[in-house]
C-alpha atoms as a PDB file:
ATOM      1  CA  MET A   1       0.057   0.246   0.152  1.00  0.00           C
ATOM      2  CA  ARG A   2       1.443   3.633  -0.669  1.00  0.00           C
ATOM      3  CA  ILE A   3       1.935   5.895   2.158  1.00  0.00           C
ATOM      4  CA  ALA A   4       0.343   8.890  -0.279  1.00  0.00           C
ATOM      5  CA  ASN A   5      -3.167   6.505   0.325  1.00  0.00           C
ATOM      6  CA  LEU A   6      -3.543   5.927   3.674  1.00  0.00           C
ATOM      7  CA  ARG A   7      -6.073   8.449   5.472  1.00  0.00           C
ATOM      8  CA  ARG A   8      -9.183   8.294   7.073  1.00  0.00           C
ATOM      9  CA  GLU A   9     -12.079  10.687   7.660  1.00  0.00           C
ATOM     10  CA  TYR A  10     -13.387  12.152  10.949  1.00  0.00           C
ATOM     11  CA  ASN A  11     -17.214  12.216  11.924  1.00  0.00           C
ATOM     12  CA  LEU A  12     -16.623  10.932  16.385  1.00  0.00           C
ATOM     13  CA  LEU A  13     -17.301  14.401  17.648  1.00  0.00           C
ATOM     14  CA  SER A  14     -17.140  18.396  17.286  1.00  0.00           C
ATOM     15  CA  LEU A  15     -16.411  20.777  18.966  1.00  0.00           C
ATOM     16  CA  HIS A  16     -17.773  24.661  20.211  1.00  0.00           C
ATOM     17  CA  HIS A  17     -16.920  27.381  21.960  1.00  0.00           C
ATOM     18  CA  GLY A  18     -18.997  26.925  23.934  1.00  0.00           C
ATOM     19  CA  ASP A  19     -18.015  23.590  25.005  1.00  0.00           C
ATOM     20  CA  LEU A  20     -14.700  24.847  26.233  1.00  0.00           C
ATOM     21  CA  GLU A  21     -13.149  25.582  30.012  1.00  0.00           C
ATOM     22  CA  PRO A  22     -12.075  29.379  30.565  1.00  0.00           C
ATOM     23  CA  ASP A  23      -9.956  27.600  31.837  1.00  0.00           C
ATOM     24  CA  PRO A  24      -7.343  25.035  29.932  1.00  0.00           C
ATOM     25  CA  MET A  25      -5.851  23.126  32.425  1.00  0.00           C
ATOM     26  CA  VAL A  26      -9.235  22.755  34.022  1.00  0.00           C
ATOM     27  CA  GLN A  27     -10.379  21.593  29.802  1.00  0.00           C
ATOM     28  CA  PHE A  28      -7.290  19.416  29.367  1.00  0.00           C
ATOM     29  CA  LYS A  29      -8.459  17.635  32.209  1.00  0.00           C
ATOM     30  CA  THR A  30     -12.133  17.530  31.258  1.00  0.00           C
ATOM     31  CA  TRP A  31     -10.319  16.013  27.482  1.00  0.00           C
ATOM     32  CA  PHE A  32      -7.230  13.396  29.432  1.00  0.00           C
ATOM     33  CA  ASP A  33     -10.921  12.026  31.906  1.00  0.00           C
ATOM     34  CA  GLN A  34     -12.532  11.017  28.700  1.00  0.00           C
ATOM     35  CA  ALA A  35      -9.628   9.827  26.948  1.00  0.00           C
ATOM     36  CA  ALA A  36      -8.428   7.480  29.778  1.00  0.00           C
ATOM     37  CA  GLY A  37     -12.828   6.775  30.106  1.00  0.00           C
ATOM     38  CA  VAL A  38     -13.286   8.153  33.452  1.00  0.00           C
ATOM     39  CA  ARG A  39     -15.789  11.044  32.785  1.00  0.00           C
ATOM     40  CA  ARG A  40     -18.582  11.251  29.882  1.00  0.00           C
ATOM     41  CA  SER A  41     -21.541  12.880  29.757  1.00  0.00           C
ATOM     42  CA  GLY A  42     -24.294  12.750  26.473  1.00  0.00           C
ATOM     43  CA  ARG A  43     -25.902   9.169  26.438  1.00  0.00           C
ATOM     44  CA  VAL A  44     -25.764  10.065  22.628  1.00  0.00           C
ATOM     45  CA  ARG A  45     -21.908  10.702  22.457  1.00  0.00           C
ATOM     46  CA  ARG A  46     -21.273   8.090  24.750  1.00  0.00           C
ATOM     47  CA  PHE A  47     -22.668   5.293  22.905  1.00  0.00           C
ATOM     48  CA  PHE A  48     -20.701   6.454  19.810  1.00  0.00           C
ATOM     49  CA  ILE A  49     -18.003   6.792  22.202  1.00  0.00           C
ATOM     50  CA  GLN A  50     -18.048   2.982  23.545  1.00  0.00           C
ATOM     51  CA  LEU A  51     -19.047   2.060  19.798  1.00  0.00           C
ATOM     52  CA  TYR A  52     -16.091   3.457  18.375  1.00  0.00           C
ATOM     53  CA  LYS A  53     -13.168   2.206  21.195  1.00  0.00           C
ATOM     54  CA  LEU A  54     -15.084  -1.164  21.007  1.00  0.00           C
ATOM     55  CA  LEU A  55     -13.970  -1.517  16.794  1.00  0.00           C
ATOM     56  CA  PHE A  56     -10.956   0.411  17.823  1.00  0.00           C
ATOM     57  CA  THR A  57      -9.687  -2.048  20.763  1.00  0.00           C
ATOM     58  CA  ALA A  58     -11.374  -4.564  17.673  1.00  0.00           C
ATOM     59  CA  SER A  59      -8.238  -4.265  15.761  1.00  0.00           C
ATOM     60  CA  ALA A  60      -4.954  -3.290  18.626  1.00  0.00           C
ATOM     61  CA  SER A  61      -3.439  -5.713  20.694  1.00  0.00           C
ATOM     62  CA  GLN A  62      -3.870  -3.150  23.434  1.00  0.00           C
ATOM     63  CA  ALA A  63      -5.076   0.575  24.409  1.00  0.00           C
ATOM     64  CA  PRO A  64      -3.186   3.077  24.175  1.00  0.00           C
ATOM     65  CA  GLU A  65      -1.560   4.596  26.964  1.00  0.00           C
ATOM     66  CA  VAL A  66      -3.954   7.725  27.580  1.00  0.00           C
ATOM     67  CA  ASN A  67      -0.587   9.600  28.810  1.00  0.00           C
ATOM     68  CA  ALA A  68       2.322   9.151  26.226  1.00  0.00           C
ATOM     69  CA  ALA A  69       3.235  12.130  24.654  1.00  0.00           C
ATOM     70  CA  THR A  70       5.332  13.682  21.953  1.00  0.00           C
ATOM     71  CA  LEU A  71       8.085  16.018  24.248  1.00  0.00           C
ATOM     72  CA  ALA A  72      10.134  18.546  20.896  1.00  0.00           C
ATOM     73  CA  THR A  73      13.047  19.557  22.592  1.00  0.00           C
ATOM     74  CA  ALA A  74      15.855  21.851  20.731  1.00  0.00           C
ATOM     75  CA  ASP A  75      19.544  21.821  21.959  1.00  0.00           C
ATOM     76  CA  LYS A  76      21.490  25.538  22.409  1.00  0.00           C
ATOM     77  CA  ASN A  77      21.981  25.592  18.437  1.00  0.00           C
ATOM     78  CA  GLY A  78      18.742  25.336  17.686  1.00  0.00           C
ATOM     79  CA  ILE A  79      18.199  21.204  16.838  1.00  0.00           C
ATOM     80  CA  PRO A  80      15.109  19.424  17.467  1.00  0.00           C
ATOM     81  CA  SER A  81      14.827  16.543  18.841  1.00  0.00           C
ATOM     82  CA  ALA A  82      11.752  14.728  20.408  1.00  0.00           C
ATOM     83  CA  ARG A  83      10.526  11.546  21.946  1.00  0.00           C
ATOM     84  CA  VAL A  84       7.575  10.073  23.881  1.00  0.00           C
ATOM     85  CA  VAL A  85       7.198  10.419  27.149  1.00  0.00           C
ATOM     86  CA  LEU A  86       4.706   9.566  29.988  1.00  0.00           C
ATOM     87  CA  LEU A  87       2.694  11.632  31.984  1.00  0.00           C
ATOM     88  CA  LYS A  88       2.872  11.648  35.668  1.00  0.00           C
ATOM     89  CA  GLY A  89       0.937  14.730  37.025  1.00  0.00           C
ATOM     90  CA  VAL A  90      -1.160  17.622  35.902  1.00  0.00           C
ATOM     91  CA  ASP A  91      -2.475  21.274  37.849  1.00  0.00           C
ATOM     92  CA  GLN A  92      -2.027  24.588  37.789  1.00  0.00           C
ATOM     93  CA  ARG A  93       1.623  24.832  37.704  1.00  0.00           C
ATOM     94  CA  GLY A  94       1.881  22.429  34.517  1.00  0.00           C
ATOM     95  CA  PHE A  95       2.851  19.270  33.119  1.00  0.00           C
ATOM     96  CA  ILE A  96       4.771  16.834  34.876  1.00  0.00           C
ATOM     97  CA  PHE A  97       6.422  14.241  34.003  1.00  0.00           C
ATOM     98  CA  PHE A  98      10.040  12.907  35.118  1.00  0.00           C
ATOM     99  CA  THR A  99      13.372  11.341  33.174  1.00  0.00           C
ATOM    100  CA  ASN A 100      17.155  11.832  33.722  1.00  0.00           C
ATOM    101  CA  TYR A 101      18.570  14.933  34.071  1.00  0.00           C
ATOM    102  CA  GLU A 102      21.707  13.972  32.481  1.00  0.00           C
ATOM    103  CA  SER A 103      19.798  12.684  28.869  1.00  0.00           C
ATOM    104  CA  ARG A 104      19.367  14.389  25.708  1.00  0.00           C
ATOM    105  CA  LYS A 105      16.197  16.027  26.664  1.00  0.00           C
ATOM    106  CA  GLY A 106      17.642  17.002  29.348  1.00  0.00           C
ATOM    107  CA  ARG A 107      20.846  18.668  28.085  1.00  0.00           C
ATOM    108  CA  ASP A 108      18.445  20.132  25.819  1.00  0.00           C
ATOM    109  CA  ILE A 109      15.986  21.961  28.515  1.00  0.00           C
ATOM    110  CA  ALA A 110      19.723  23.203  30.309  1.00  0.00           C
ATOM    111  CA  ASN A 111      20.501  25.166  27.495  1.00  0.00           C
ATOM    112  CA  ASN A 112      16.751  25.985  25.943  1.00  0.00           C
ATOM    113  CA  PRO A 113      13.937  25.722  28.248  1.00  0.00           C
ATOM    114  CA  HIS A 114      11.176  25.631  25.989  1.00  0.00           C
ATOM    115  CA  ALA A 115       9.511  23.121  24.884  1.00  0.00           C
ATOM    116  CA  ALA A 116       6.700  21.666  23.310  1.00  0.00           C
ATOM    117  CA  LEU A 117       5.062  18.449  24.361  1.00  0.00           C
ATOM    118  CA  VAL A 118       2.177  16.930  22.127  1.00  0.00           C
ATOM    119  CA  PHE A 119      -1.033  14.300  23.243  1.00  0.00           C
ATOM    120  CA  TYR A 120      -3.264  12.877  20.180  1.00  0.00           C
ATOM    121  CA  TRP A 121      -5.876  10.392  21.476  1.00  0.00           C
ATOM    122  CA  PRO A 122      -6.881   8.311  17.546  1.00  0.00           C
ATOM    123  CA  ASP A 123     -10.043   6.964  19.498  1.00  0.00           C
ATOM    124  CA  GLN A 124     -11.414  10.523  20.609  1.00  0.00           C
ATOM    125  CA  GLU A 125      -9.845  11.495  17.486  1.00  0.00           C
ATOM    126  CA  ARG A 126      -8.668  14.740  19.287  1.00  0.00           C
ATOM    127  CA  GLN A 127      -4.597  16.265  19.626  1.00  0.00           C
ATOM    128  CA  VAL A 128      -3.394  18.809  22.164  1.00  0.00           C
ATOM    129  CA  CYS A 129      -0.488  20.647  21.444  1.00  0.00           C
ATOM    130  CA  ILE A 130       1.217  22.493  24.136  1.00  0.00           C
ATOM    131  CA  THR A 131       4.450  25.308  24.441  1.00  0.00           C
ATOM    132  CA  GLY A 132       6.028  26.041  27.308  1.00  0.00           C
ATOM    133  CA  GLU A 133       8.850  26.303  29.373  1.00  0.00           C
ATOM    134  CA  VAL A 134      10.374  23.502  31.349  1.00  0.00           C
ATOM    135  CA  THR A 135      11.801  23.323  34.940  1.00  0.00           C
ATOM    136  CA  LYS A 136      12.644  21.301  37.229  1.00  0.00           C
ATOM    137  CA  VAL A 137      10.403  19.934  40.084  1.00  0.00           C
ATOM    138  CA  SER A 138      11.712  20.304  43.653  1.00  0.00           C
ATOM    139  CA  ARG A 139      14.032  17.102  45.120  1.00  0.00           C
ATOM    140  CA  GLU A 140      10.946  16.179  47.518  1.00  0.00           C
ATOM    141  CA  GLU A 141       8.273  15.904  45.205  1.00  0.00           C
ATOM    142  CA  SER A 142      10.949  13.817  42.532  1.00  0.00           C
ATOM    143  CA  GLU A 143      11.788  11.534  45.294  1.00  0.00           C
ATOM    144  CA  ALA A 144       7.319  11.400  46.285  1.00  0.00           C
ATOM    145  CA  TYR A 145       6.922   9.484  43.171  1.00  0.00           C
ATOM    146  CA  PHE A 146      10.910   7.772  42.871  1.00  0.00           C
ATOM    147  CA  LYS A 147       9.266   6.048  45.901  1.00  0.00           C
ATOM    148  CA  THR A 148       5.984   4.507  43.594  1.00  0.00           C
ATOM    149  CA  ARG A 149       8.466   3.511  40.665  1.00  0.00           C
ATOM    150  CA  PRO A 150       8.191  -0.350  40.626  1.00  0.00           C
ATOM    151  CA  ARG A 151      10.856  -2.176  41.896  1.00  0.00           C
ATOM    152  CA  GLY A 152      12.429  -2.510  38.570  1.00  0.00           C
ATOM    153  CA  SER A 153      11.902   0.269  37.252  1.00  0.00           C
ATOM    154  CA  ARG A 154      14.022   2.023  40.089  1.00  0.00           C
ATOM    155  CA  LEU A 155      16.896   0.152  39.791  1.00  0.00           C
ATOM    156  CA  GLY A 156      17.110   1.001  36.181  1.00  0.00           C
ATOM    157  CA  ALA A 157      16.998   4.611  36.999  1.00  0.00           C
ATOM    158  CA  LEU A 158      20.854   3.762  38.379  1.00  0.00           C
ATOM    159  CA  ALA A 159      21.925   1.192  36.184  1.00  0.00           C
ATOM    160  CA  SER A 160      21.209   3.167  32.613  1.00  0.00           C
ATOM    161  CA  ARG A 161      23.141   6.413  31.843  1.00  0.00           C
ATOM    162  CA  GLN A 162      19.906   7.363  29.774  1.00  0.00           C
ATOM    163  CA  SER A 163      21.095   8.401  26.361  1.00  0.00           C
ATOM    164  CA  GLU A 164      25.072   7.354  26.967  1.00  0.00           C
ATOM    165  CA  SER A 165      26.479   4.528  24.444  1.00  0.00           C
ATOM    166  CA  VAL A 166      26.234   1.244  26.192  1.00  0.00           C
ATOM    167  CA  GLU A 167      28.582  -1.674  24.203  1.00  0.00           C
ATOM    168  CA  SER A 168      26.150  -4.784  25.095  1.00  0.00           C
ATOM    169  CA  ARG A 169      23.223  -5.241  26.278  1.00  0.00           C
ATOM    170  CA  SER A 170      24.855  -7.548  27.960  1.00  0.00           C
ATOM    171  CA  ARG A 171      26.831  -4.806  29.838  1.00  0.00           C
ATOM    172  CA  LEU A 172      23.793  -3.267  30.620  1.00  0.00           C
ATOM    173  CA  GLU A 173      21.146  -6.439  32.108  1.00  0.00           C
ATOM    174  CA  GLN A 174      24.917  -6.965  34.367  1.00  0.00           C
ATOM    175  CA  LEU A 175      24.965  -3.239  36.029  1.00  0.00           C
ATOM    176  CA  TRP A 176      20.894  -3.833  36.833  1.00  0.00           C
ATOM    177  CA  LYS A 177      22.253  -6.815  38.538  1.00  0.00           C
ATOM    178  CA  GLU A 178      24.897  -4.931  40.164  1.00  0.00           C
ATOM    179  CA  PHE A 179      22.026  -2.905  42.143  1.00  0.00           C
ATOM    180  CA  GLU A 180      19.777  -4.931  42.752  1.00  0.00           C
ATOM    181  CA  ALA A 181      22.809  -7.117  44.577  1.00  0.00           C
ATOM    182  CA  LYS A 182      24.021  -4.032  46.023  1.00  0.00           C
ATOM    183  CA  PHE A 183      20.016  -2.683  47.446  1.00  0.00           C
ATOM    184  CA  PRO A 184      18.828  -6.459  48.620  1.00  0.00           C
ATOM    185  CA  ASP A 185      15.638  -4.212  50.292  1.00  0.00           C
ATOM    186  CA  ASP A 186      12.645  -1.939  48.686  1.00  0.00           C
ATOM    187  CA  GLU A 187      14.932   0.815  50.447  1.00  0.00           C
ATOM    188  CA  ILE A 188      16.643   2.098  46.951  1.00  0.00           C
ATOM    189  CA  PRO A 189      17.795   5.312  46.623  1.00  0.00           C
ATOM    190  CA  MET A 190      17.086   8.100  43.262  1.00  0.00           C
ATOM    191  CA  PRO A 191      20.002   8.916  41.524  1.00  0.00           C
ATOM    192  CA  PRO A 192      20.905  13.099  41.736  1.00  0.00           C
ATOM    193  CA  TYR A 193      21.272  13.364  37.898  1.00  0.00           C
ATOM    194  CA  TRP A 194      17.178  11.871  38.180  1.00  0.00           C
ATOM    195  CA  GLY A 195      14.150  13.741  38.579  1.00  0.00           C
ATOM    196  CA  GLY A 196      11.184  15.372  37.703  1.00  0.00           C
ATOM    197  CA  TYR A 197      10.070  18.089  35.568  1.00  0.00           C
ATOM    198  CA  VAL A 198       7.521  20.674  34.752  1.00  0.00           C
ATOM    199  CA  LEU A 199       6.567  22.285  31.356  1.00  0.00           C
ATOM    200  CA  SER A 200       4.346  25.604  32.778  1.00  0.00           C
ATOM    201  CA  PRO A 201       2.020  26.014  29.641  1.00  0.00           C
ATOM    202  CA  THR A 202       2.248  29.579  27.185  1.00  0.00           C
ATOM    203  CA  ARG A 203       0.132  27.938  24.744  1.00  0.00           C
ATOM    204  CA  ILE A 204      -2.343  25.370  24.491  1.00  0.00           C
ATOM    205  CA  GLU A 205      -4.304  24.484  20.944  1.00  0.00           C
ATOM    206  CA  PHE A 206      -7.029  21.288  21.363  1.00  0.00           C
ATOM    207  CA  TRP A 207      -7.404  19.557  17.939  1.00  0.00           C
ATOM    208  CA  GLN A 208     -10.719  17.963  17.339  1.00  0.00           C
ATOM    209  CA  GLY A 209     -10.913  15.971  14.116  1.00  0.00           C
ATOM    210  CA  ARG A 210     -14.025  16.517  11.926  1.00  0.00           C
ATOM    211  CA  PRO A 211     -14.718  15.129   8.480  1.00  0.00           C
ATOM    212  CA  THR A 212     -13.570  17.003   5.501  1.00  0.00           C
ATOM    213  CA  ARG A 213     -10.321  18.084   7.328  1.00  0.00           C
ATOM    214  CA  LEU A 214     -12.721  20.842   8.675  1.00  0.00           C
ATOM    215  CA  HIS A 215     -11.073  20.299  11.621  1.00  0.00           C
ATOM    216  CA  ASP A 216     -11.869  22.324  14.978  1.00  0.00           C
ATOM    217  CA  ARG A 217      -9.561  23.986  16.416  1.00  0.00           C
ATOM    218  CA  PHE A 218      -9.155  26.491  19.773  1.00  0.00           C
ATOM    219  CA  CYS A 219      -6.631  28.183  20.619  1.00  0.00           C
ATOM    220  CA  TYR A 220      -5.366  29.352  24.461  1.00  0.00           C
ATOM    221  CA  LEU A 221      -2.406  32.065  24.581  1.00  0.00           C
ATOM    222  CA  ARG A 222      -1.455  33.021  27.853  1.00  0.00           C
ATOM    223  CA  LEU A 223      -1.424  37.148  28.813  1.00  0.00           C
ATOM    224  CA  PRO A 224       0.798  39.153  29.825  1.00  0.00           C
ATOM    225  CA  ASP A 225      -1.882  39.545  33.235  1.00  0.00           C
ATOM    226  CA  LYS A 226      -2.430  35.733  33.040  1.00  0.00           C
ATOM    227  CA  ARG A 227      -5.427  35.781  31.685  1.00  0.00           C
ATOM    228  CA  TRP A 228      -6.263  33.353  29.213  1.00  0.00           C
ATOM    229  CA  ARG A 229      -7.711  34.850  25.378  1.00  0.00           C
ATOM    230  CA  VAL A 230      -8.846  31.780  23.255  1.00  0.00           C
ATOM    231  CA  ASP A 231      -8.730  32.085  18.777  1.00  0.00           C
ATOM    232  CA  ARG A 232     -10.516  29.114  16.417  1.00  0.00           C
ATOM    233  CA  LEU A 233      -8.000  28.323  14.303  1.00  0.00           C
ATOM    234  CA  CYS A 234      -8.570  27.613  10.935  1.00  0.00           C
ATOM    235  CA  PRO A 235      -7.942  23.587  10.012  1.00  0.00           C
END
């Protein structure tokens, strides 16, 4: 099949100005909960979403991670890079994720704190595009989250110097086993080079797929007085 022939029509939902919350963070949480299946409103809407999800699930091996987002960063020379990260929190500060501070994305953020996040929920035919500035969360907040991670993941944070070269898979597994032996109980220290970030948004766009590519797009732009201006954008 030719790649150029791959296309789909978006018919599931619509988005109107009157549907939007004044605060984009509240709007994001509403959409996130709907993508996660936590909260839906409207009997007809609920029926069609459930029907679509049944069809989607039937053709997929497992449901997508709704907290997965593409994080785009750029280094000090403006050269971009992108990868998928997992959202681990959202509040009025912004969008929170955790990683190795010495990774490629960590080095990018240290030199250029401006970044973007994109969430895509195909079963809702929706995406959210966020731009803003990234800062570290407190050490205490990072440690509180680190303690909730599975034991293997905590050991992995010690064993893996993310984005650095490693000679082989076996060497990586050997390092993991060495830390497993070093910390036989559940008291695994958080590495000093690991922790959380929060992306504080200055612009948030909500995109709802619509037929004939006339999608609904609304952009929240943060004003100097901290209020949000909302504009409908051409698709």
